[in-house]
Protein backbone atom coordinates (compact mmCIF):
# COMPACT_ATOMS: atom_id res chain seq x y z
CA UNK A 1 35.71 -17.20 9.64
CA UNK A 2 33.25 -14.31 9.90
CA UNK A 3 29.55 -14.63 10.55
CA UNK A 4 27.35 -14.23 7.47
CA UNK A 5 23.82 -12.90 6.97
CA UNK A 6 21.59 -13.45 3.95
CA UNK A 7 18.84 -10.79 3.78
CA UNK A 8 15.86 -11.89 1.67
CA UNK A 9 13.65 -8.96 0.63
CA UNK A 10 10.05 -9.67 -0.35
CA UNK A 11 7.44 -7.35 -1.82
CA UNK A 12 7.82 -3.74 -2.86
CA UNK A 13 10.70 -1.34 -3.40
CA UNK A 14 9.89 0.36 -0.08
CA UNK A 15 10.72 -2.92 1.64
CA UNK A 16 13.90 -3.16 -0.41
CA UNK A 17 15.14 0.16 0.98
CA UNK A 18 14.66 -1.16 4.54
CA UNK A 19 16.56 -4.31 3.61
CA UNK A 20 19.40 -2.23 2.17
CA UNK A 21 19.60 -0.16 5.35
CA UNK A 22 19.71 -3.34 7.44
CA UNK A 23 22.52 -4.70 5.27
CA UNK A 24 24.59 -1.57 5.88
CA UNK A 25 24.05 -1.80 9.65
CA UNK A 26 25.01 -5.46 9.70
CA UNK A 27 28.15 -4.70 7.69
CA UNK A 28 29.04 -1.93 10.12
CA UNK A 29 29.02 -4.37 13.05
CA UNK A 30 31.25 -6.85 11.23
CA UNK A 31 28.86 -9.30 9.61
CA UNK A 32 29.35 -10.40 6.04
CA UNK A 33 26.18 -9.69 4.06
CA UNK A 34 26.10 -12.25 1.25
CA UNK A 35 23.72 -14.09 -1.02
CA UNK A 36 22.85 -17.67 -0.13
CA UNK A 37 24.22 -18.83 -3.50
CA UNK A 38 27.61 -17.20 -3.02
CA UNK A 39 30.71 -19.34 -2.55
CA UNK A 40 31.39 -17.77 0.85
CA UNK A 41 27.94 -18.74 2.12
CA UNK A 42 28.08 -22.26 0.72
CA UNK A 43 31.51 -22.92 2.24
CA UNK A 44 30.71 -21.39 5.66
CA UNK A 45 29.94 -23.42 8.77
CA UNK A 46 26.21 -23.63 9.60
CA UNK A 47 27.02 -21.98 12.94
CA UNK A 48 28.13 -18.86 11.04
CA UNK A 49 25.07 -18.53 8.75
CA UNK A 50 22.04 -16.39 9.60
CA UNK A 51 18.98 -15.40 7.54
CA UNK A 52 16.66 -12.40 7.71
CA UNK A 53 13.40 -12.44 5.72
CA UNK A 54 11.82 -9.03 5.10
CA UNK A 55 8.18 -9.86 4.45
CA UNK A 56 5.25 -8.35 2.54
CA UNK A 57 1.75 -8.38 4.02
CA UNK A 58 -0.22 -6.30 1.52
CA UNK A 59 -2.46 -8.81 -0.29
CA UNK A 60 -3.15 -12.52 -0.13
CA UNK A 61 -0.68 -13.69 -2.77
CA UNK A 62 2.14 -11.63 -1.28
CA UNK A 63 1.42 -12.96 2.19
CA UNK A 64 1.48 -16.54 0.91
CA UNK A 65 4.83 -15.92 -0.80
CA UNK A 66 6.29 -14.54 2.41
CA UNK A 67 5.01 -17.48 4.47
CA UNK A 68 6.45 -19.97 1.97
CA UNK A 69 9.82 -18.18 2.08
CA UNK A 70 9.87 -18.29 5.88
CA UNK A 71 8.89 -21.97 5.95
CA UNK A 72 11.68 -22.84 3.51
CA UNK A 73 14.29 -21.28 5.77
CA UNK A 74 12.58 -22.66 8.89
CA UNK A 75 13.23 -26.18 7.66
CA UNK A 76 16.94 -25.35 7.34
CA UNK A 77 16.89 -23.83 10.83
CA UNK A 78 15.31 -26.99 12.19
CA UNK A 79 17.90 -29.21 10.49
CA UNK A 80 20.76 -27.06 11.77
CA UNK A 81 21.92 -25.81 8.37
CA UNK A 82 21.63 -22.20 9.53
CA UNK A 83 22.30 -20.78 12.99
CA UNK A 84 19.46 -18.27 13.15
CA UNK A 85 16.32 -17.13 11.33
CA UNK A 86 14.79 -13.68 11.84
CA UNK A 87 11.68 -12.17 10.28
CA UNK A 88 10.82 -8.49 9.81
CA UNK A 89 8.52 -6.32 7.71
CA UNK A 90 4.82 -5.96 6.97
CA UNK A 91 3.64 -9.53 7.51
CA UNK A 92 5.53 -9.75 10.78
CA UNK A 93 4.13 -6.38 11.90
CA UNK A 94 0.56 -7.37 11.13
CA UNK A 95 0.59 -10.86 12.62
CA UNK A 96 3.28 -10.71 15.29
CA UNK A 97 0.86 -12.03 17.93
CA UNK A 98 0.00 -15.12 15.87
CA UNK A 99 3.05 -16.12 13.84
CA UNK A 100 5.52 -17.04 16.63
CA UNK A 101 3.35 -19.94 17.79
CA UNK A 102 2.79 -21.08 14.20
CA UNK A 103 6.45 -21.12 13.10
CA UNK A 104 8.54 -21.94 16.15
CA UNK A 105 11.83 -22.25 14.25
CA UNK A 106 12.02 -18.46 13.83
CA UNK A 107 14.42 -16.99 16.40
CA UNK A 108 12.97 -13.48 16.42
CA UNK A 109 10.14 -11.40 14.94
CA UNK A 110 10.45 -7.70 14.17
CA UNK A 111 7.99 -5.34 12.51
CA UNK A 112 8.01 -2.49 10.02
CA UNK A 113 9.88 0.05 12.16
CA UNK A 114 11.67 -1.77 14.99
CA UNK A 115 13.74 -4.02 12.69
CA UNK A 116 17.08 -2.33 13.60
CA UNK A 117 16.78 -4.40 16.78
CA UNK A 118 17.91 -7.39 14.71
CA UNK A 119 21.38 -5.83 14.53
CA UNK A 120 21.80 -5.34 18.27
CA UNK A 121 20.33 -8.80 18.88
CA UNK A 122 22.93 -10.44 16.64
CA UNK A 123 25.92 -8.25 17.47
CA UNK A 124 25.20 -7.13 21.02
CA UNK A 125 25.66 -3.52 19.96
CA UNK A 126 24.15 -0.92 17.66
CA UNK A 127 26.20 0.63 14.82
CA UNK A 128 26.74 4.36 14.34
CA UNK A 129 25.24 4.15 10.86
CA UNK A 130 23.66 7.27 9.37
CA UNK A 131 19.85 6.94 9.22
CA UNK A 132 19.91 7.02 5.42
CA UNK A 133 23.07 5.00 4.69
CA UNK A 134 22.57 1.67 2.98
CA UNK A 135 23.92 -0.95 0.63
CA UNK A 136 22.64 -0.55 -2.95
CA UNK A 137 21.39 -3.87 -4.31
CA UNK A 138 20.00 -2.48 -7.57
CA UNK A 139 22.35 -1.82 -10.49
CA UNK A 140 24.66 0.90 -9.15
CA UNK A 141 23.38 3.60 -11.52
CA UNK A 142 19.85 3.67 -10.07
CA UNK A 143 18.33 3.53 -6.60
CA UNK A 144 15.01 3.83 -4.84
CA UNK A 145 14.60 6.88 -2.61
CA UNK A 146 12.03 6.42 0.16
CA UNK A 147 10.82 9.81 1.39
CA UNK A 148 8.10 8.78 3.86
CA UNK A 149 6.51 5.87 5.67
CA UNK A 150 2.86 5.24 6.48
CA UNK A 151 -0.43 6.48 5.06
CA UNK A 152 -3.36 8.58 6.31
CA UNK A 153 -5.81 7.87 3.50
CA UNK A 154 -7.67 4.87 4.99
CA UNK A 155 -9.08 3.55 1.70
CA UNK A 156 -11.69 0.90 2.36
CA UNK A 157 -9.77 -1.98 0.79
CA UNK A 158 -6.25 -1.23 2.01
CA UNK A 159 -4.41 -2.67 5.00
CA UNK A 160 -1.29 -0.51 4.62
CA UNK A 161 -2.32 2.10 7.25
CA UNK A 162 -3.01 -0.77 9.68
CA UNK A 163 0.55 -2.02 9.13
CA UNK A 164 2.62 1.13 8.74
CA UNK A 165 0.65 3.61 10.84
CA UNK A 166 0.25 7.33 10.28
CA UNK A 167 2.17 9.23 7.61
CA UNK A 168 5.72 10.17 8.61
CA UNK A 169 7.73 12.35 6.23
CA UNK A 170 11.51 12.44 6.28
CA UNK A 171 13.06 15.95 6.49
CA UNK A 172 14.06 17.49 3.17
CA UNK A 173 17.61 18.09 4.41
CA UNK A 174 18.12 14.43 5.26
CA UNK A 175 16.75 13.25 1.92
CA UNK A 176 18.95 15.66 -0.04
CA UNK A 177 21.97 14.52 1.96
CA UNK A 178 21.14 10.91 1.07
CA UNK A 179 20.92 11.87 -2.61
CA UNK A 180 24.35 13.52 -2.43
CA UNK A 181 25.81 10.42 -0.81
CA UNK A 182 24.29 8.14 -3.46
CA UNK A 183 25.48 10.35 -6.32
CA UNK A 184 28.95 10.02 -4.84
CA UNK A 185 28.60 6.26 -5.21
CA UNK A 186 27.61 6.45 -8.86
CA UNK A 187 23.80 6.66 -8.70
CA UNK A 188 22.34 8.75 -11.53
CA UNK A 189 18.67 7.79 -11.47
CA UNK A 190 16.43 8.21 -8.43
CA UNK A 191 13.06 6.51 -8.21
CA UNK A 192 11.23 8.43 -5.50
CA UNK A 193 8.82 6.24 -3.52
CA UNK A 194 6.29 6.47 -0.69
CA UNK A 195 2.91 4.97 0.06
CA UNK A 196 1.54 8.41 -0.86
CA UNK A 197 3.80 11.00 -2.51
CA UNK A 198 0.97 13.53 -2.50
CA UNK A 199 0.94 13.75 1.29
CA UNK A 200 4.66 14.42 1.67
CA UNK A 201 5.60 17.14 4.14
CA UNK A 202 2.20 17.96 5.67
CA UNK A 203 3.06 16.33 8.99
CA UNK A 204 6.33 18.23 9.54
CA UNK A 205 5.93 21.42 7.49
CA UNK A 206 2.20 22.03 7.79
CA UNK A 207 1.67 21.87 4.02
CA UNK A 208 2.34 19.58 1.10
CA UNK A 209 5.98 19.96 0.06
CA UNK A 210 6.59 17.30 -2.58
CA UNK A 211 7.21 20.01 -5.22
CA UNK A 212 9.89 21.70 -3.08
CA UNK A 213 11.51 18.36 -2.29
CA UNK A 214 11.72 17.34 -5.96
CA UNK A 215 13.11 20.75 -6.89
CA UNK A 216 15.86 20.46 -4.27
CA UNK A 217 16.75 16.93 -5.33
CA UNK A 218 16.94 18.06 -8.96
CA UNK A 219 19.44 20.77 -7.96
CA UNK A 220 21.98 18.19 -6.76
CA UNK A 221 24.80 17.89 -9.34
CA UNK A 222 24.94 14.42 -10.84
CA UNK A 223 21.21 13.68 -10.59
CA UNK A 224 20.24 12.73 -14.14
CA UNK A 225 16.74 11.33 -13.67
CA UNK A 226 14.08 11.66 -10.95
CA UNK A 227 11.01 9.49 -11.35
CA UNK A 228 7.93 9.74 -9.11
CA UNK A 229 5.94 6.79 -7.77
CA UNK A 230 2.67 6.30 -5.92
CA UNK A 231 0.89 9.65 -5.88
CA UNK A 232 -2.68 9.92 -4.64
CA UNK A 233 -5.25 11.79 -6.76
CA UNK A 234 -7.10 13.59 -3.96
CA UNK A 235 -5.41 16.88 -2.97
CA UNK A 236 -2.77 16.43 -5.66
CA UNK A 237 -0.35 19.42 -5.54
CA UNK A 238 -0.46 20.87 -9.05
CA UNK A 239 2.78 22.81 -8.50
CA UNK A 240 4.57 19.45 -8.79
CA UNK A 241 3.58 19.41 -12.46
CA UNK A 242 5.30 22.77 -12.97
CA UNK A 243 8.53 21.36 -11.52
CA UNK A 244 8.23 18.38 -13.84
CA UNK A 245 7.74 20.65 -16.85
CA UNK A 246 10.58 23.00 -15.91
CA UNK A 247 13.31 20.55 -14.91
CA UNK A 248 14.98 18.37 -17.53
CA UNK A 249 16.11 15.83 -14.96
CA UNK A 250 12.58 15.28 -13.56
CA UNK A 251 11.17 12.54 -15.77
CA UNK A 252 7.85 13.21 -17.44
CA UNK A 253 6.43 10.20 -15.65
CA UNK A 254 3.98 9.84 -12.78
CA UNK A 255 2.76 6.72 -11.04
CA UNK A 256 -0.68 7.54 -9.61
CA UNK A 257 -3.04 4.78 -8.49
CA UNK A 258 -6.62 5.64 -9.50
CA UNK A 259 -8.23 2.25 -8.67
CA UNK A 260 -11.51 2.91 -10.51
CA UNK A 261 -13.57 5.44 -12.45
CA UNK A 262 -17.20 4.70 -11.59
CA UNK A 263 -18.56 6.98 -8.87
CA UNK A 264 -20.40 4.27 -6.88
CA UNK A 265 -17.24 2.18 -6.69
CA UNK A 266 -15.02 5.17 -5.83
CA UNK A 267 -17.45 6.06 -3.03
CA UNK A 268 -17.42 2.50 -1.67
CA UNK A 269 -13.62 2.52 -1.84
CA UNK A 270 -13.55 5.77 0.21
CA UNK A 271 -11.30 7.42 -2.34
CA UNK A 272 -12.78 10.90 -1.70
CA UNK A 273 -12.71 11.81 -5.38
CA UNK A 274 -15.25 11.58 -8.19
CA UNK A 275 -15.00 10.42 -11.77
CA UNK A 276 -15.28 13.98 -13.09
CA UNK A 277 -12.60 15.22 -10.68
CA UNK A 278 -10.32 12.41 -11.77
CA UNK A 279 -10.75 13.28 -15.43
CA UNK A 280 -10.12 16.95 -14.74
CA UNK A 281 -6.90 16.11 -12.88
CA UNK A 282 -5.62 13.90 -15.70
CA UNK A 283 -6.42 16.58 -18.26
CA UNK A 284 -4.48 19.15 -16.21
CA UNK A 285 -1.50 16.81 -15.97
CA UNK A 286 -1.37 16.40 -19.73
CA UNK A 287 -1.89 20.13 -20.30
CA UNK A 288 0.88 21.23 -17.93
CA UNK A 289 3.35 18.48 -18.83
CA UNK A 290 3.12 17.69 -22.55
CA UNK A 291 4.31 14.16 -23.23
CA UNK A 292 3.84 12.96 -19.66
CA UNK A 293 3.53 9.19 -19.27
CA UNK A 294 1.02 8.25 -16.60
CA UNK A 295 1.19 4.87 -14.89
CA UNK A 296 -1.86 3.82 -12.93
CA UNK A 297 -3.25 0.82 -11.08
CA UNK A 298 -6.89 -0.24 -11.33
CA UNK A 299 -8.97 -2.73 -9.38
CA UNK A 300 -11.80 -4.93 -10.60
CA UNK A 301 -14.36 -6.80 -8.55
CA UNK A 302 -14.65 -4.43 -5.62
CA UNK A 303 -18.04 -4.57 -3.85
CA UNK A 304 -20.53 -2.43 -5.76
CA UNK A 305 -18.93 -3.03 -9.15
CA UNK A 306 -21.71 -4.35 -11.34
CA UNK A 307 -21.42 -4.91 -15.06
CA UNK A 308 -22.41 -1.27 -15.68
CA UNK A 309 -19.63 0.05 -13.43
CA UNK A 310 -17.13 -2.29 -15.06
CA UNK A 311 -18.16 -1.04 -18.52
CA UNK A 312 -17.62 2.50 -17.26
CA UNK A 313 -14.11 1.49 -16.23
CA UNK A 314 -13.39 0.04 -19.68
CA UNK A 315 -14.68 3.22 -21.33
CA UNK A 316 -12.47 5.27 -19.00
CA UNK A 317 -9.37 3.30 -20.01
CA UNK A 318 -10.25 3.61 -23.72
CA UNK A 319 -10.69 7.35 -23.26
CA UNK A 320 -7.56 8.02 -21.21
CA UNK A 321 -5.16 5.67 -23.05
CA UNK A 322 -2.79 5.29 -20.13
CA UNK A 323 0.80 4.81 -21.21
CA UNK A 324 1.33 2.36 -18.35
CA UNK A 325 -1.32 0.42 -16.46
CA UNK A 326 -1.51 -2.48 -14.06
CA UNK A 327 -4.61 -4.07 -12.57
CA UNK A 328 -5.64 -6.65 -10.01
CA UNK A 329 -8.78 -8.34 -8.72
CA UNK A 330 -10.12 -7.35 -5.33
CA UNK A 331 -9.25 -9.68 -2.48
CA UNK A 332 -10.78 -8.99 0.91
CA UNK A 333 -8.27 -8.08 3.62
CA UNK A 334 -9.21 -8.67 7.23
CA UNK A 335 -9.72 -5.68 9.54
CA UNK A 336 -10.16 -3.22 6.67
CA UNK A 337 -13.25 -1.04 6.33
CA UNK A 338 -14.39 -3.11 3.34
CA UNK A 339 -14.14 -6.39 5.23
CA UNK A 340 -16.27 -5.00 8.05
CA UNK A 341 -18.90 -3.23 5.96
CA UNK A 342 -19.26 -4.93 2.58
CA UNK A 343 -19.93 -8.39 1.30
CA UNK A 344 -17.30 -9.74 -1.08
CA UNK A 345 -20.01 -11.30 -3.22
CA UNK A 346 -18.63 -11.01 -6.76
CA UNK A 347 -17.62 -14.54 -7.85
CA UNK A 348 -13.91 -15.08 -8.40
CA UNK A 349 -14.48 -16.21 -11.99
CA UNK A 350 -16.24 -12.91 -12.71
CA UNK A 351 -13.35 -10.96 -11.21
CA UNK A 352 -10.83 -12.86 -13.32
CA UNK A 353 -12.90 -12.40 -16.49
CA UNK A 354 -13.05 -8.67 -15.89
CA UNK A 355 -9.34 -8.52 -15.13
CA UNK A 356 -8.47 -10.37 -18.35
CA UNK A 357 -10.74 -8.12 -20.42
CA UNK A 358 -9.23 -4.99 -18.90
CA UNK A 359 -5.65 -6.12 -19.47
CA UNK A 360 -6.42 -7.23 -23.05
CA UNK A 361 -7.71 -3.72 -23.70
CA UNK A 362 -4.59 -2.19 -22.18
CA UNK A 363 -2.35 -4.38 -24.33
CA UNK A 364 -4.04 -2.98 -27.43
CA UNK A 365 -3.60 0.57 -26.17
CA UNK A 366 0.01 -0.07 -25.24
CA UNK A 367 0.76 -1.48 -28.68
CA UNK A 368 -0.68 1.64 -30.33
CA UNK A 369 1.26 4.00 -28.09
CA UNK A 370 4.48 2.05 -28.51
CA UNK A 371 4.11 2.12 -32.30
CA UNK A 372 3.90 5.92 -32.16
CA UNK A 373 7.46 5.98 -30.80
CA UNK A 374 8.95 4.43 -33.93
CA UNK A 375 11.27 7.00 -35.49
CA UNK A 376 11.61 8.97 -32.26
CA UNK A 377 15.00 9.72 -30.71
CA UNK A 378 15.01 9.01 -27.00
CA UNK A 379 17.53 9.17 -24.18
CA UNK A 380 18.15 5.63 -22.89
CA UNK A 381 20.11 4.32 -19.92
CA UNK A 382 21.66 0.86 -20.30
CA UNK A 383 20.76 -1.55 -17.47
CA UNK A 384 22.25 -4.86 -18.55
CA UNK A 385 23.19 -7.27 -21.33
CA UNK A 386 20.86 -10.11 -22.25
CA UNK A 387 21.85 -12.52 -25.01
CA UNK A 388 22.40 -10.54 -28.21
CA UNK A 389 20.96 -7.34 -26.75
CA UNK A 390 21.75 -4.44 -24.52
CA UNK A 391 18.66 -3.72 -22.41
CA UNK A 392 17.85 -0.16 -21.41
CA UNK A 393 15.04 2.19 -20.44
CA UNK A 394 13.80 5.66 -21.31
CA UNK A 395 12.67 8.31 -18.83
CA UNK A 396 9.17 6.86 -19.29
CA UNK A 397 10.15 3.44 -17.96
CA UNK A 398 10.55 2.54 -14.30
CA UNK A 399 12.76 -0.46 -13.47
CA UNK A 400 11.13 -3.90 -13.41
CA UNK A 401 7.56 -2.80 -14.18
CA UNK A 402 7.69 -0.87 -17.46
CA UNK A 403 8.72 -1.56 -21.08
CA UNK A 404 12.39 -1.80 -22.00
CA UNK A 405 14.47 -0.81 -25.00
CA UNK A 406 16.46 -3.52 -26.79
CA UNK A 407 19.61 -2.48 -28.67
CA UNK A 408 21.66 -4.94 -30.71
CA UNK A 409 25.32 -5.38 -29.81
CA UNK A 410 26.65 -3.82 -32.98
CA UNK A 411 28.80 -1.41 -30.98
CA UNK A 412 29.95 -1.78 -27.35
CA UNK A 413 27.89 0.12 -24.79
CA UNK A 414 28.49 0.67 -21.08
CA UNK A 415 26.01 -0.25 -18.38
CA UNK A 416 24.85 2.79 -16.46
CA UNK A 417 25.57 5.21 -19.30
CA UNK A 418 23.07 7.25 -21.30
CA UNK A 419 22.79 7.08 -25.09
CA UNK A 420 20.63 8.76 -27.71
CA UNK A 421 18.67 5.99 -29.40
CA UNK A 422 16.48 5.99 -32.49
CA UNK A 423 13.50 3.67 -32.12
CA UNK A 424 13.26 1.39 -35.16
CA UNK A 425 10.37 -0.92 -34.23
CA UNK A 426 7.92 -1.58 -31.42
CA UNK A 427 6.19 -4.39 -29.55
CA UNK A 428 3.40 -3.88 -26.96
CA UNK A 429 5.88 -3.93 -24.09
CA UNK A 430 9.28 -3.45 -25.75
CA UNK A 431 10.99 -1.05 -28.12
CA UNK A 432 13.82 -1.88 -30.51
CA UNK A 433 16.38 0.82 -31.24
CA UNK A 434 19.81 1.74 -32.51
CA UNK A 435 22.33 4.03 -30.87
CA UNK A 436 22.92 7.38 -32.48
CA UNK A 437 25.52 8.50 -29.98
CA UNK A 438 26.23 9.19 -26.30
CA UNK A 439 23.65 11.39 -24.63
CA UNK A 440 24.56 14.84 -23.39
CA UNK A 441 24.47 15.41 -19.64
CA UNK A 442 21.19 16.68 -18.27
CA UNK A 443 21.26 20.40 -17.47
CA UNK A 444 20.35 21.39 -13.92
CA UNK A 445 20.28 25.10 -14.59
């Protein structure tokens, strides 16, 4: 019987890419990488079962989830139901001096970058795996493409730079080679991710090169959709918008976290951008890329946000009518600039009231924007079947976080294929449609 490893990935899609790389390395040294609910795992001897937990350490709730996951497996390690428990990722990186004494059942702790050591620890050797090769755990037609690690922005509230360190871009040639490899395995949709897309390339090329990178990815035959996540508004390279407008396979979609709109709050957050500059950037995006869908993230309850500043944020959201928006309440993170310099003195009930009011507003906006799509014909990729429906997405919808398109099973459709769909009705976070026919291949000319 072979030794088995269950890799549990917590947190964001950037963590998932690391988990997928680890899975490939473990496979290359002879381990079976399986889910803990699989028949092979359940029938294996405890001495042949190992677990790796890839943790998130970004905010309080995520840290608690990671700790609970570790403790659950630690109890099985203590009872002898698994032979080894290893922890990696952001939480482990941030608290590696404290956690080992708190959870003694863990056999080894690795951080955000040294996690390949788990492989040599388990196997006694290191595989000759390409630095970008990995197992794809998402549906085989789409994958996340991590182009950089780290962040240089040092926003007052954020612990990511403390965990991941300075910005480190991957070379364009390596990324394009990874795309070619993934296309060969059936991937058609690439969700490009980094802590800060805007900063890509400056550290190795001396200038921002996200536009050139996206252009070269879009030139790879077989790439149908490229979607961009986690841009930063300051120093945003406007030439990226031209690539988006010119290339059919670059989705008219941009995930750009703005956090707030009131100048006093932006200054306290150390965002290095003003409300007027933010509005000008958004206007330029919509001018250069007609039909663009902008996803943003906003924060309520940050120190300095009085009722006036919160009302300014609501007015900003009403004015901008973001196609996609998420929000969260500020939670103080130790060792950040905010924790050292500001008092987290806004009561939690006030934060939650503001958060609910903001999200209620966004639901109204989303319902209006969704309704405007009724009658439109959109290109949709089918992700899965669910009850009486096929479930798909348009170019404006990122996996797991954005609205989906429901299509009744009147005719058989294939997962991972594109179809032209007429939207027949709308809900705030879902569209209903009917298939008109298979979609033509995206042109890369």
